[in-house]
């Protein structure tokens, strides 16, 4: 039995298509297709049903895939354990993250990792778009919010909250909302909203509340939402950890500070830990360790205090302010 044929079959199932598997294996799509067909001939059984729109495993294919994936993983582990003896991390680590998390949390982590590993390069893809790790060849993702793909390997590193913010100029011009329902009469800066606006659901003193909001500015990048809020274009829902101590930015204020979207997870995600290189494995471990001890909660608390005007100077620290921009 040709191990290459088995590998091609497993990669096709993991990637969900022959095209994605060929890209991951750096082979022509036709070669991957022939390998799977040859494996089926050698086994004398159909492993997957092929249509122009999707692939689906037969019962036999599912059983074969489950056992073959484990066997290949053990072979990869054995090869890696030998190859990495006496070696050091080297090569490229491809990372994707939202811009706000990258700027606020990852720059120092990347700096410290690269200082300790001079033969590693970190290639970052930043933005609000949730990329397909397999299709785009990404090793690690930092993601905020619920994870929809159960095939990914994830480690939660933090829990954040979203609050409502506006610029002093906007509040002076339009007034400060007193209840969540008041937001319906305000301009709101919306993140990933459709043409009909959005429904914001937050937890307040009386439990969960929701309101339909709309506005003339919509964006798919949270950093722009925050910049638009700072520019006085409306009220926006922003992560609390965005509050920093950088006095060069425009101040924003928290409105309705008793209301928030609580418990938003932040996770480090990868497709598989079995086949990752030594560089990816070491960077992923370093990243998780640093994010687990990062001051996500402390930043959120300082932001709420500053918005309410209650922040007091702490020993060795400047008075903090809620600021716009990453």
C-alpha atoms as a PDB file:
ATOM      1  CA  UNK A   1       0.000   0.000   0.000  1.00  0.00           C
ATOM      2  CA  UNK A   2       1.490   3.349  -1.098  1.00  0.00           C
ATOM      3  CA  UNK A   3       1.675   5.746   1.851  1.00  0.00           C
ATOM      4  CA  UNK A   4       1.430   8.701  -0.534  1.00  0.00           C
ATOM      5  CA  UNK A   5      -2.010   7.556  -1.661  1.00  0.00           C
ATOM      6  CA  UNK A   6      -3.196   7.287   1.944  1.00  0.00           C
ATOM      7  CA  UNK A   7      -1.794  10.730   2.744  1.00  0.00           C
ATOM      8  CA  UNK A   8      -3.563  12.247  -0.255  1.00  0.00           C
ATOM      9  CA  UNK A   9      -6.889  10.736   0.818  1.00  0.00           C
ATOM     10  CA  UNK A  10      -6.571  11.981   4.401  1.00  0.00           C
ATOM     11  CA  UNK A  11      -5.610  15.488   3.279  1.00  0.00           C
ATOM     12  CA  UNK A  12      -8.565  15.662   0.879  1.00  0.00           C
ATOM     13  CA  UNK A  13     -10.986  14.799   3.687  1.00  0.00           C
ATOM     14  CA  UNK A  14      -9.356  17.257   6.117  1.00  0.00           C
ATOM     15  CA  UNK A  15      -9.284  20.081   3.572  1.00  0.00           C
ATOM     16  CA  UNK A  16     -12.747  19.389   2.202  1.00  0.00           C
ATOM     17  CA  UNK A  17     -11.735  19.453  -1.464  1.00  0.00           C
ATOM     18  CA  UNK A  18      -9.160  18.163  -3.902  1.00  0.00           C
ATOM     19  CA  UNK A  19      -8.113  21.731  -4.713  1.00  0.00           C
ATOM     20  CA  UNK A  20      -7.344  22.648  -1.085  1.00  0.00           C
ATOM     21  CA  UNK A  21      -5.579  19.332  -0.489  1.00  0.00           C
ATOM     22  CA  UNK A  22      -3.429  19.812  -3.595  1.00  0.00           C
ATOM     23  CA  UNK A  23      -2.439  23.258  -2.360  1.00  0.00           C
ATOM     24  CA  UNK A  24      -1.528  21.912   1.073  1.00  0.00           C
ATOM     25  CA  UNK A  25       0.492  19.050  -0.432  1.00  0.00           C
ATOM     26  CA  UNK A  26       2.010  21.315  -3.112  1.00  0.00           C
ATOM     27  CA  UNK A  27       0.940  18.883  -5.822  1.00  0.00           C
ATOM     28  CA  UNK A  28      -1.199  19.184  -8.956  1.00  0.00           C
ATOM     29  CA  UNK A  29      -4.875  18.557  -8.319  1.00  0.00           C
ATOM     30  CA  UNK A  30      -4.822  15.794 -10.919  1.00  0.00           C
ATOM     31  CA  UNK A  31      -2.080  13.947  -8.993  1.00  0.00           C
ATOM     32  CA  UNK A  32      -4.090  14.040  -5.782  1.00  0.00           C
ATOM     33  CA  UNK A  33      -7.199  12.804  -7.575  1.00  0.00           C
ATOM     34  CA  UNK A  34      -5.256   9.916  -9.159  1.00  0.00           C
ATOM     35  CA  UNK A  35      -3.776   8.959  -5.776  1.00  0.00           C
ATOM     36  CA  UNK A  36      -7.203   8.695  -4.161  1.00  0.00           C
ATOM     37  CA  UNK A  37      -8.577   6.733  -7.117  1.00  0.00           C
ATOM     38  CA  UNK A  38      -5.601   4.349  -6.970  1.00  0.00           C
ATOM     39  CA  UNK A  39      -6.130   3.839  -3.235  1.00  0.00           C
ATOM     40  CA  UNK A  40      -9.770   2.929  -3.860  1.00  0.00           C
ATOM     41  CA  UNK A  41      -8.708   0.433  -6.519  1.00  0.00           C
ATOM     42  CA  UNK A  42      -6.158  -1.139  -4.191  1.00  0.00           C
ATOM     43  CA  UNK A  43      -8.743  -1.433  -1.405  1.00  0.00           C
ATOM     44  CA  UNK A  44     -11.482  -2.538  -3.773  1.00  0.00           C
ATOM     45  CA  UNK A  45     -14.028  -0.168  -2.234  1.00  0.00           C
ATOM     46  CA  UNK A  46     -15.402   3.329  -2.795  1.00  0.00           C
ATOM     47  CA  UNK A  47     -14.157   5.737  -0.101  1.00  0.00           C
ATOM     48  CA  UNK A  48     -15.930   8.945  -1.133  1.00  0.00           C
ATOM     49  CA  UNK A  49     -18.792  10.135  -3.285  1.00  0.00           C
ATOM     50  CA  UNK A  50     -17.812  12.920  -5.679  1.00  0.00           C
ATOM     51  CA  UNK A  51     -20.151  15.510  -7.189  1.00  0.00           C
ATOM     52  CA  UNK A  52     -19.474  18.843  -8.836  1.00  0.00           C
ATOM     53  CA  UNK A  53     -20.477  20.631  -5.614  1.00  0.00           C
ATOM     54  CA  UNK A  54     -19.220  18.537  -2.694  1.00  0.00           C
ATOM     55  CA  UNK A  55     -17.420  15.464  -1.441  1.00  0.00           C
ATOM     56  CA  UNK A  56     -18.932  13.048   1.051  1.00  0.00           C
ATOM     57  CA  UNK A  57     -17.439   9.969   2.672  1.00  0.00           C
ATOM     58  CA  UNK A  58     -18.998   6.549   2.385  1.00  0.00           C
ATOM     59  CA  UNK A  59     -19.353   4.525   5.593  1.00  0.00           C
ATOM     60  CA  UNK A  60     -16.212   2.620   4.643  1.00  0.00           C
ATOM     61  CA  UNK A  61     -14.461   5.883   3.835  1.00  0.00           C
ATOM     62  CA  UNK A  62     -15.294   7.318   7.244  1.00  0.00           C
ATOM     63  CA  UNK A  63     -13.927   4.256   9.038  1.00  0.00           C
ATOM     64  CA  UNK A  64     -10.777   4.251   6.903  1.00  0.00           C
ATOM     65  CA  UNK A  65     -10.223   7.991   7.383  1.00  0.00           C
ATOM     66  CA  UNK A  66     -10.564   7.830  11.172  1.00  0.00           C
ATOM     67  CA  UNK A  67      -7.927   5.118  11.489  1.00  0.00           C
ATOM     68  CA  UNK A  68      -5.627   6.379   8.719  1.00  0.00           C
ATOM     69  CA  UNK A  69      -5.505   9.890  10.200  1.00  0.00           C
ATOM     70  CA  UNK A  70      -4.398   8.515  13.568  1.00  0.00           C
ATOM     71  CA  UNK A  71      -1.747   6.342  11.933  1.00  0.00           C
ATOM     72  CA  UNK A  72      -0.383   9.233   9.856  1.00  0.00           C
ATOM     73  CA  UNK A  73      -0.343  11.449  12.924  1.00  0.00           C
ATOM     74  CA  UNK A  74       1.760   8.923  14.804  1.00  0.00           C
ATOM     75  CA  UNK A  75       4.175   8.722  11.876  1.00  0.00           C
ATOM     76  CA  UNK A  76       4.416  12.524  11.773  1.00  0.00           C
ATOM     77  CA  UNK A  77       5.091  12.611  15.504  1.00  0.00           C
ATOM     78  CA  UNK A  78       7.825  10.009  15.157  1.00  0.00           C
ATOM     79  CA  UNK A  79       9.451  11.871  12.286  1.00  0.00           C
ATOM     80  CA  UNK A  80       9.229  15.219  14.070  1.00  0.00           C
ATOM     81  CA  UNK A  81      10.679  13.878  17.301  1.00  0.00           C
ATOM     82  CA  UNK A  82      13.748  12.625  15.433  1.00  0.00           C
ATOM     83  CA  UNK A  83      14.088  15.608  13.092  1.00  0.00           C
ATOM     84  CA  UNK A  84      13.867  18.109  15.932  1.00  0.00           C
ATOM     85  CA  UNK A  85      16.535  16.523  18.127  1.00  0.00           C
ATOM     86  CA  UNK A  86      19.247  19.121  18.609  1.00  0.00           C
ATOM     87  CA  UNK A  87      17.530  21.567  16.243  1.00  0.00           C
ATOM     88  CA  UNK A  88      16.072  25.022  16.770  1.00  0.00           C
ATOM     89  CA  UNK A  89      12.913  26.636  15.407  1.00  0.00           C
ATOM     90  CA  UNK A  90      13.337  28.028  11.917  1.00  0.00           C
ATOM     91  CA  UNK A  91      11.178  29.010   8.993  1.00  0.00           C
ATOM     92  CA  UNK A  92       7.980  31.038   8.602  1.00  0.00           C
ATOM     93  CA  UNK A  93       5.053  31.155  11.036  1.00  0.00           C
ATOM     94  CA  UNK A  94       1.888  32.446   9.350  1.00  0.00           C
ATOM     95  CA  UNK A  95      -0.477  34.141  11.781  1.00  0.00           C
ATOM     96  CA  UNK A  96      -3.830  35.887  11.340  1.00  0.00           C
ATOM     97  CA  UNK A  97      -5.583  38.127  13.854  1.00  0.00           C
ATOM     98  CA  UNK A  98      -7.932  41.102  14.091  1.00  0.00           C
ATOM     99  CA  UNK A  99      -6.064  44.388  13.769  1.00  0.00           C
ATOM    100  CA  UNK A 100      -7.041  45.612  17.245  1.00  0.00           C
ATOM    101  CA  UNK A 101      -5.801  42.479  19.021  1.00  0.00           C
ATOM    102  CA  UNK A 102      -2.628  42.430  16.916  1.00  0.00           C
ATOM    103  CA  UNK A 103      -1.692  46.020  17.728  1.00  0.00           C
ATOM    104  CA  UNK A 104      -2.767  45.984  21.374  1.00  0.00           C
ATOM    105  CA  UNK A 105      -1.555  42.515  22.332  1.00  0.00           C
ATOM    106  CA  UNK A 106       0.664  40.844  19.740  1.00  0.00           C
ATOM    107  CA  UNK A 107       3.409  43.327  18.888  1.00  0.00           C
ATOM    108  CA  UNK A 108       5.297  42.755  22.131  1.00  0.00           C
ATOM    109  CA  UNK A 109       4.772  39.000  21.942  1.00  0.00           C
ATOM    110  CA  UNK A 110       6.141  38.814  18.398  1.00  0.00           C
ATOM    111  CA  UNK A 111       9.078  41.062  19.342  1.00  0.00           C
ATOM    112  CA  UNK A 112      10.072  38.889  22.311  1.00  0.00           C
ATOM    113  CA  UNK A 113       9.676  35.620  20.400  1.00  0.00           C
ATOM    114  CA  UNK A 114      11.772  36.794  17.464  1.00  0.00           C
ATOM    115  CA  UNK A 115      14.485  38.055  19.806  1.00  0.00           C
ATOM    116  CA  UNK A 116      14.804  34.515  21.193  1.00  0.00           C
ATOM    117  CA  UNK A 117      14.477  32.739  17.815  1.00  0.00           C
ATOM    118  CA  UNK A 118      16.518  34.571  15.151  1.00  0.00           C
ATOM    119  CA  UNK A 119      15.833  31.980  12.438  1.00  0.00           C
ATOM    120  CA  UNK A 120      12.043  32.399  12.526  1.00  0.00           C
ATOM    121  CA  UNK A 121       9.963  34.875  10.491  1.00  0.00           C
ATOM    122  CA  UNK A 122       6.403  35.777  11.521  1.00  0.00           C
ATOM    123  CA  UNK A 123       4.074  36.618   8.621  1.00  0.00           C
ATOM    124  CA  UNK A 124       0.874  38.319   9.834  1.00  0.00           C
ATOM    125  CA  UNK A 125      -2.426  38.635   7.967  1.00  0.00           C
ATOM    126  CA  UNK A 126      -4.544  41.233   9.780  1.00  0.00           C
ATOM    127  CA  UNK A 127      -8.170  42.248   9.353  1.00  0.00           C
ATOM    128  CA  UNK A 128     -11.748  41.619  10.320  1.00  0.00           C
ATOM    129  CA  UNK A 129     -12.264  38.877   7.732  1.00  0.00           C
ATOM    130  CA  UNK A 130     -12.276  35.356   9.161  1.00  0.00           C
ATOM    131  CA  UNK A 131      -9.895  33.483   6.885  1.00  0.00           C
ATOM    132  CA  UNK A 132      -9.965  29.792   6.019  1.00  0.00           C
ATOM    133  CA  UNK A 133      -6.757  28.477   7.581  1.00  0.00           C
ATOM    134  CA  UNK A 134      -6.420  25.525   5.221  1.00  0.00           C
ATOM    135  CA  UNK A 135      -7.333  27.366   2.023  1.00  0.00           C
ATOM    136  CA  UNK A 136      -4.994  30.290   2.730  1.00  0.00           C
ATOM    137  CA  UNK A 137      -2.117  28.359   4.309  1.00  0.00           C
ATOM    138  CA  UNK A 138      -2.338  30.009   7.737  1.00  0.00           C
ATOM    139  CA  UNK A 139      -0.705  28.225  10.677  1.00  0.00           C
ATOM    140  CA  UNK A 140      -2.305  30.016  13.645  1.00  0.00           C
ATOM    141  CA  UNK A 141      -5.258  32.352  14.155  1.00  0.00           C
ATOM    142  CA  UNK A 142      -6.216  34.548  17.086  1.00  0.00           C
ATOM    143  CA  UNK A 143      -9.993  34.893  17.028  1.00  0.00           C
ATOM    144  CA  UNK A 144     -12.540  36.758  19.105  1.00  0.00           C
ATOM    145  CA  UNK A 145     -16.046  35.363  19.395  1.00  0.00           C
ATOM    146  CA  UNK A 146     -17.629  31.968  18.969  1.00  0.00           C
ATOM    147  CA  UNK A 147     -15.805  29.382  16.857  1.00  0.00           C
ATOM    148  CA  UNK A 148     -17.991  27.820  14.210  1.00  0.00           C
ATOM    149  CA  UNK A 149     -15.613  25.191  12.785  1.00  0.00           C
ATOM    150  CA  UNK A 150     -15.451  22.190  15.127  1.00  0.00           C
ATOM    151  CA  UNK A 151     -12.540  20.664  13.165  1.00  0.00           C
ATOM    152  CA  UNK A 152     -10.156  23.356  14.437  1.00  0.00           C
ATOM    153  CA  UNK A 153      -7.968  22.922  17.507  1.00  0.00           C
ATOM    154  CA  UNK A 154      -8.617  25.884  19.826  1.00  0.00           C
ATOM    155  CA  UNK A 155      -7.392  27.143  23.188  1.00  0.00           C
ATOM    156  CA  UNK A 156      -9.307  29.939  24.905  1.00  0.00           C
ATOM    157  CA  UNK A 157      -6.869  32.519  26.281  1.00  0.00           C
ATOM    158  CA  UNK A 158      -9.168  35.298  27.488  1.00  0.00           C
ATOM    159  CA  UNK A 159     -12.710  36.487  27.981  1.00  0.00           C
ATOM    160  CA  UNK A 160     -13.478  40.072  27.063  1.00  0.00           C
ATOM    161  CA  UNK A 161     -16.508  42.344  27.061  1.00  0.00           C
ATOM    162  CA  UNK A 162     -17.954  44.838  24.595  1.00  0.00           C
ATOM    163  CA  UNK A 163     -19.192  48.223  25.759  1.00  0.00           C
ATOM    164  CA  UNK A 164     -20.849  51.267  24.215  1.00  0.00           C
ATOM    165  CA  UNK A 165     -18.668  54.295  23.440  1.00  0.00           C
ATOM    166  CA  UNK A 166     -18.997  57.760  21.944  1.00  0.00           C
ATOM    167  CA  UNK A 167     -16.905  60.900  21.594  1.00  0.00           C
ATOM    168  CA  UNK A 168     -17.544  63.895  23.893  1.00  0.00           C
ATOM    169  CA  UNK A 169     -18.293  65.971  20.792  1.00  0.00           C
ATOM    170  CA  UNK A 170     -21.037  63.582  19.679  1.00  0.00           C
ATOM    171  CA  UNK A 171     -22.582  63.425  23.146  1.00  0.00           C
ATOM    172  CA  UNK A 172     -22.611  67.211  23.436  1.00  0.00           C
ATOM    173  CA  UNK A 173     -24.301  67.477  20.050  1.00  0.00           C
ATOM    174  CA  UNK A 174     -26.814  64.623  20.319  1.00  0.00           C
ATOM    175  CA  UNK A 175     -27.172  64.070  24.055  1.00  0.00           C
ATOM    176  CA  UNK A 176     -26.282  61.134  26.245  1.00  0.00           C
ATOM    177  CA  UNK A 177     -28.555  58.061  26.057  1.00  0.00           C
ATOM    178  CA  UNK A 178     -30.147  57.166  29.406  1.00  0.00           C
ATOM    179  CA  UNK A 179     -31.593  53.772  28.475  1.00  0.00           C
ATOM    180  CA  UNK A 180     -30.700  51.122  25.917  1.00  0.00           C
ATOM    181  CA  UNK A 181     -33.896  51.972  24.028  1.00  0.00           C
ATOM    182  CA  UNK A 182     -32.610  55.525  23.503  1.00  0.00           C
ATOM    183  CA  UNK A 183     -30.010  54.141  21.078  1.00  0.00           C
ATOM    184  CA  UNK A 184     -32.736  53.674  18.463  1.00  0.00           C
ATOM    185  CA  UNK A 185     -32.826  57.471  18.038  1.00  0.00           C
ATOM    186  CA  UNK A 186     -29.029  57.835  17.797  1.00  0.00           C
ATOM    187  CA  UNK A 187     -26.522  57.440  14.999  1.00  0.00           C
ATOM    188  CA  UNK A 188     -24.593  54.225  15.572  1.00  0.00           C
ATOM    189  CA  UNK A 189     -21.365  53.058  13.955  1.00  0.00           C
ATOM    190  CA  UNK A 190     -21.995  49.445  13.001  1.00  0.00           C
ATOM    191  CA  UNK A 191     -19.615  46.520  12.696  1.00  0.00           C
ATOM    192  CA  UNK A 192     -20.491  43.912  10.039  1.00  0.00           C
ATOM    193  CA  UNK A 193     -24.097  45.081   9.773  1.00  0.00           C
ATOM    194  CA  UNK A 194     -26.537  44.682   6.911  1.00  0.00           C
ATOM    195  CA  UNK A 195     -28.458  47.433   5.174  1.00  0.00           C
ATOM    196  CA  UNK A 196     -31.269  47.222   7.689  1.00  0.00           C
ATOM    197  CA  UNK A 197     -29.047  48.045  10.647  1.00  0.00           C
ATOM    198  CA  UNK A 198     -28.335  45.690  13.502  1.00  0.00           C
ATOM    199  CA  UNK A 199     -29.845  44.405  16.727  1.00  0.00           C
ATOM    200  CA  UNK A 200     -27.628  44.961  19.736  1.00  0.00           C
ATOM    201  CA  UNK A 201     -28.220  42.695  22.726  1.00  0.00           C
ATOM    202  CA  UNK A 202     -26.493  43.611  25.962  1.00  0.00           C
ATOM    203  CA  UNK A 203     -26.723  42.566  29.585  1.00  0.00           C
ATOM    204  CA  UNK A 204     -27.752  45.273  32.047  1.00  0.00           C
ATOM    205  CA  UNK A 205     -28.890  45.505  35.666  1.00  0.00           C
ATOM    206  CA  UNK A 206     -32.242  43.960  34.729  1.00  0.00           C
ATOM    207  CA  UNK A 207     -30.813  41.171  32.577  1.00  0.00           C
ATOM    208  CA  UNK A 208     -30.619  40.898  28.806  1.00  0.00           C
ATOM    209  CA  UNK A 209     -31.975  43.772  26.738  1.00  0.00           C
ATOM    210  CA  UNK A 210     -31.928  44.430  23.005  1.00  0.00           C
ATOM    211  CA  UNK A 211     -32.484  47.362  20.678  1.00  0.00           C
ATOM    212  CA  UNK A 212     -32.534  47.836  16.924  1.00  0.00           C
ATOM    213  CA  UNK A 213     -29.925  50.396  15.867  1.00  0.00           C
ATOM    214  CA  UNK A 214     -28.895  51.976  12.600  1.00  0.00           C
ATOM    215  CA  UNK A 215     -26.439  54.505  11.313  1.00  0.00           C
ATOM    216  CA  UNK A 216     -24.790  55.914   8.230  1.00  0.00           C
ATOM    217  CA  UNK A 217     -21.393  54.300   8.859  1.00  0.00           C
ATOM    218  CA  UNK A 218     -20.805  50.544   8.659  1.00  0.00           C
ATOM    219  CA  UNK A 219     -17.471  48.733   8.523  1.00  0.00           C
ATOM    220  CA  UNK A 220     -15.986  45.242   8.658  1.00  0.00           C
ATOM    221  CA  UNK A 221     -12.887  46.369  10.583  1.00  0.00           C
ATOM    222  CA  UNK A 222     -13.166  47.161  14.293  1.00  0.00           C
ATOM    223  CA  UNK A 223     -10.295  49.636  14.232  1.00  0.00           C
ATOM    224  CA  UNK A 224     -12.208  51.782  11.757  1.00  0.00           C
ATOM    225  CA  UNK A 225     -15.335  51.560  13.919  1.00  0.00           C
ATOM    226  CA  UNK A 226     -13.352  52.938  16.832  1.00  0.00           C
ATOM    227  CA  UNK A 227     -11.806  55.698  14.706  1.00  0.00           C
ATOM    228  CA  UNK A 228     -15.268  56.652  13.435  1.00  0.00           C
ATOM    229  CA  UNK A 229     -16.596  56.776  17.000  1.00  0.00           C
ATOM    230  CA  UNK A 230     -13.672  58.995  18.001  1.00  0.00           C
ATOM    231  CA  UNK A 231     -14.448  61.260  15.030  1.00  0.00           C
ATOM    232  CA  UNK A 232     -17.952  61.874  16.385  1.00  0.00           C
ATOM    233  CA  UNK A 233     -19.850  59.832  13.804  1.00  0.00           C
ATOM    234  CA  UNK A 234     -21.948  57.964  16.340  1.00  0.00           C
ATOM    235  CA  UNK A 235     -22.095  55.478  19.186  1.00  0.00           C
ATOM    236  CA  UNK A 236     -20.214  52.224  18.683  1.00  0.00           C
ATOM    237  CA  UNK A 237     -19.908  48.879  20.412  1.00  0.00           C
ATOM    238  CA  UNK A 238     -16.205  48.284  21.089  1.00  0.00           C
ATOM    239  CA  UNK A 239     -14.002  45.832  23.009  1.00  0.00           C
ATOM    240  CA  UNK A 240     -13.132  47.254  26.413  1.00  0.00           C
ATOM    241  CA  UNK A 241      -9.471  46.238  26.102  1.00  0.00           C
ATOM    242  CA  UNK A 242      -9.072  48.913  23.434  1.00  0.00           C
ATOM    243  CA  UNK A 243      -8.730  51.502  26.204  1.00  0.00           C
ATOM    244  CA  UNK A 244      -5.039  52.333  26.488  1.00  0.00           C
ATOM    245  CA  UNK A 245      -2.785  54.915  28.064  1.00  0.00           C
ATOM    246  CA  UNK A 246      -1.636  56.514  24.818  1.00  0.00           C
ATOM    247  CA  UNK A 247      -2.433  60.234  25.226  1.00  0.00           C
ATOM    248  CA  UNK A 248      -1.828  60.965  21.550  1.00  0.00           C
ATOM    249  CA  UNK A 249      -5.269  59.646  20.558  1.00  0.00           C
ATOM    250  CA  UNK A 250      -8.696  61.227  20.778  1.00  0.00           C
ATOM    251  CA  UNK A 251     -10.655  60.444  23.921  1.00  0.00           C
ATOM    252  CA  UNK A 252     -13.898  58.513  23.818  1.00  0.00           C
ATOM    253  CA  UNK A 253     -16.319  57.942  26.667  1.00  0.00           C
ATOM    254  CA  UNK A 254     -18.295  54.933  27.732  1.00  0.00           C
ATOM    255  CA  UNK A 255     -22.058  55.401  27.623  1.00  0.00           C
ATOM    256  CA  UNK A 256     -24.525  53.233  29.520  1.00  0.00           C
ATOM    257  CA  UNK A 257     -21.594  51.706  31.471  1.00  0.00           C
ATOM    258  CA  UNK A 258     -23.924  49.277  33.257  1.00  0.00           C
ATOM    259  CA  UNK A 259     -24.641  47.544  29.935  1.00  0.00           C
ATOM    260  CA  UNK A 260     -22.185  45.247  28.142  1.00  0.00           C
ATOM    261  CA  UNK A 261     -21.817  42.146  26.031  1.00  0.00           C
ATOM    262  CA  UNK A 262     -20.010  39.898  28.486  1.00  0.00           C
ATOM    263  CA  UNK A 263     -18.093  36.675  28.079  1.00  0.00           C
ATOM    264  CA  UNK A 264     -16.749  37.100  24.546  1.00  0.00           C
ATOM    265  CA  UNK A 265     -13.995  34.463  24.174  1.00  0.00           C
ATOM    266  CA  UNK A 266     -10.609  35.061  22.578  1.00  0.00           C
ATOM    267  CA  UNK A 267      -8.964  31.883  21.283  1.00  0.00           C
ATOM    268  CA  UNK A 268      -5.762  30.706  19.636  1.00  0.00           C
ATOM    269  CA  UNK A 269      -6.726  28.386  16.790  1.00  0.00           C
ATOM    270  CA  UNK A 270      -4.875  25.996  14.489  1.00  0.00           C
ATOM    271  CA  UNK A 271      -5.897  23.244  12.093  1.00  0.00           C
ATOM    272  CA  UNK A 272      -3.769  20.513  13.659  1.00  0.00           C
ATOM    273  CA  UNK A 273      -0.991  20.248  16.212  1.00  0.00           C
ATOM    274  CA  UNK A 274       0.227  16.940  14.804  1.00  0.00           C
ATOM    275  CA  UNK A 275       1.700  18.250  11.568  1.00  0.00           C
ATOM    276  CA  UNK A 276       2.932  21.689  12.632  1.00  0.00           C
ATOM    277  CA  UNK A 277       6.604  22.556  12.318  1.00  0.00           C
ATOM    278  CA  UNK A 278       8.866  23.143  15.299  1.00  0.00           C
ATOM    279  CA  UNK A 279       8.676  26.901  14.667  1.00  0.00           C
ATOM    280  CA  UNK A 280       4.864  26.901  14.595  1.00  0.00           C
ATOM    281  CA  UNK A 281       4.645  24.682  17.684  1.00  0.00           C
ATOM    282  CA  UNK A 282       7.035  26.835  19.715  1.00  0.00           C
ATOM    283  CA  UNK A 283       5.408  30.096  18.637  1.00  0.00           C
ATOM    284  CA  UNK A 284       1.913  28.762  19.387  1.00  0.00           C
ATOM    285  CA  UNK A 285       2.999  27.716  22.878  1.00  0.00           C
ATOM    286  CA  UNK A 286       4.701  31.082  23.495  1.00  0.00           C
ATOM    287  CA  UNK A 287       1.654  32.970  22.192  1.00  0.00           C
ATOM    288  CA  UNK A 288      -0.785  31.065  24.405  1.00  0.00           C
ATOM    289  CA  UNK A 289       1.369  31.493  27.499  1.00  0.00           C
ATOM    290  CA  UNK A 290       1.659  35.242  26.999  1.00  0.00           C
ATOM    291  CA  UNK A 291      -1.995  35.826  26.149  1.00  0.00           C
ATOM    292  CA  UNK A 292      -3.128  33.828  29.180  1.00  0.00           C
ATOM    293  CA  UNK A 293      -1.348  36.271  31.492  1.00  0.00           C
ATOM    294  CA  UNK A 294      -2.073  39.448  29.481  1.00  0.00           C
ATOM    295  CA  UNK A 295      -4.058  42.145  31.283  1.00  0.00           C
ATOM    296  CA  UNK A 296      -7.308  41.855  29.303  1.00  0.00           C
ATOM    297  CA  UNK A 297      -9.479  42.237  32.395  1.00  0.00           C
ATOM    298  CA  UNK A 298      -7.351  44.992  33.884  1.00  0.00           C
ATOM    299  CA  UNK A 299      -7.615  47.011  30.689  1.00  0.00           C
ATOM    300  CA  UNK A 300     -11.392  46.620  30.684  1.00  0.00           C
ATOM    301  CA  UNK A 301     -11.638  47.727  34.318  1.00  0.00           C
ATOM    302  CA  UNK A 302      -9.450  50.780  33.700  1.00  0.00           C
ATOM    303  CA  UNK A 303     -11.581  51.671  30.714  1.00  0.00           C
ATOM    304  CA  UNK A 304     -14.819  51.523  32.699  1.00  0.00           C
ATOM    305  CA  UNK A 305     -13.313  53.553  35.537  1.00  0.00           C
ATOM    306  CA  UNK A 306     -12.010  56.212  33.191  1.00  0.00           C
ATOM    307  CA  UNK A 307     -15.355  56.440  31.395  1.00  0.00           C
ATOM    308  CA  UNK A 308     -17.090  57.032  34.727  1.00  0.00           C
ATOM    309  CA  UNK A 309     -14.415  59.545  35.801  1.00  0.00           C
ATOM    310  CA  UNK A 310     -13.419  57.444  38.811  1.00  0.00           C
ATOM    311  CA  UNK A 311      -9.898  56.393  37.836  1.00  0.00           C
ATOM    312  CA  UNK A 312      -7.386  57.166  40.546  1.00  0.00           C
ATOM    313  CA  UNK A 313      -3.638  57.220  40.068  1.00  0.00           C
ATOM    314  CA  UNK A 314      -1.998  53.937  40.982  1.00  0.00           C
ATOM    315  CA  UNK A 315       1.559  53.557  42.247  1.00  0.00           C
ATOM    316  CA  UNK A 316       3.978  53.578  39.326  1.00  0.00           C
ATOM    317  CA  UNK A 317       1.254  54.164  36.722  1.00  0.00           C
ATOM    318  CA  UNK A 318      -0.197  57.169  34.927  1.00  0.00           C
ATOM    319  CA  UNK A 319      -3.846  58.030  35.124  1.00  0.00           C
ATOM    320  CA  UNK A 320      -5.548  56.083  32.331  1.00  0.00           C
ATOM    321  CA  UNK A 321      -7.989  57.383  29.744  1.00  0.00           C
ATOM    322  CA  UNK A 322     -10.352  55.657  27.295  1.00  0.00           C
ATOM    323  CA  UNK A 323      -8.735  56.188  23.920  1.00  0.00           C
ATOM    324  CA  UNK A 324      -9.569  55.585  20.300  1.00  0.00           C
ATOM    325  CA  UNK A 325      -7.402  53.780  17.803  1.00  0.00           C
ATOM    326  CA  UNK A 326      -5.321  50.628  18.145  1.00  0.00           C
END
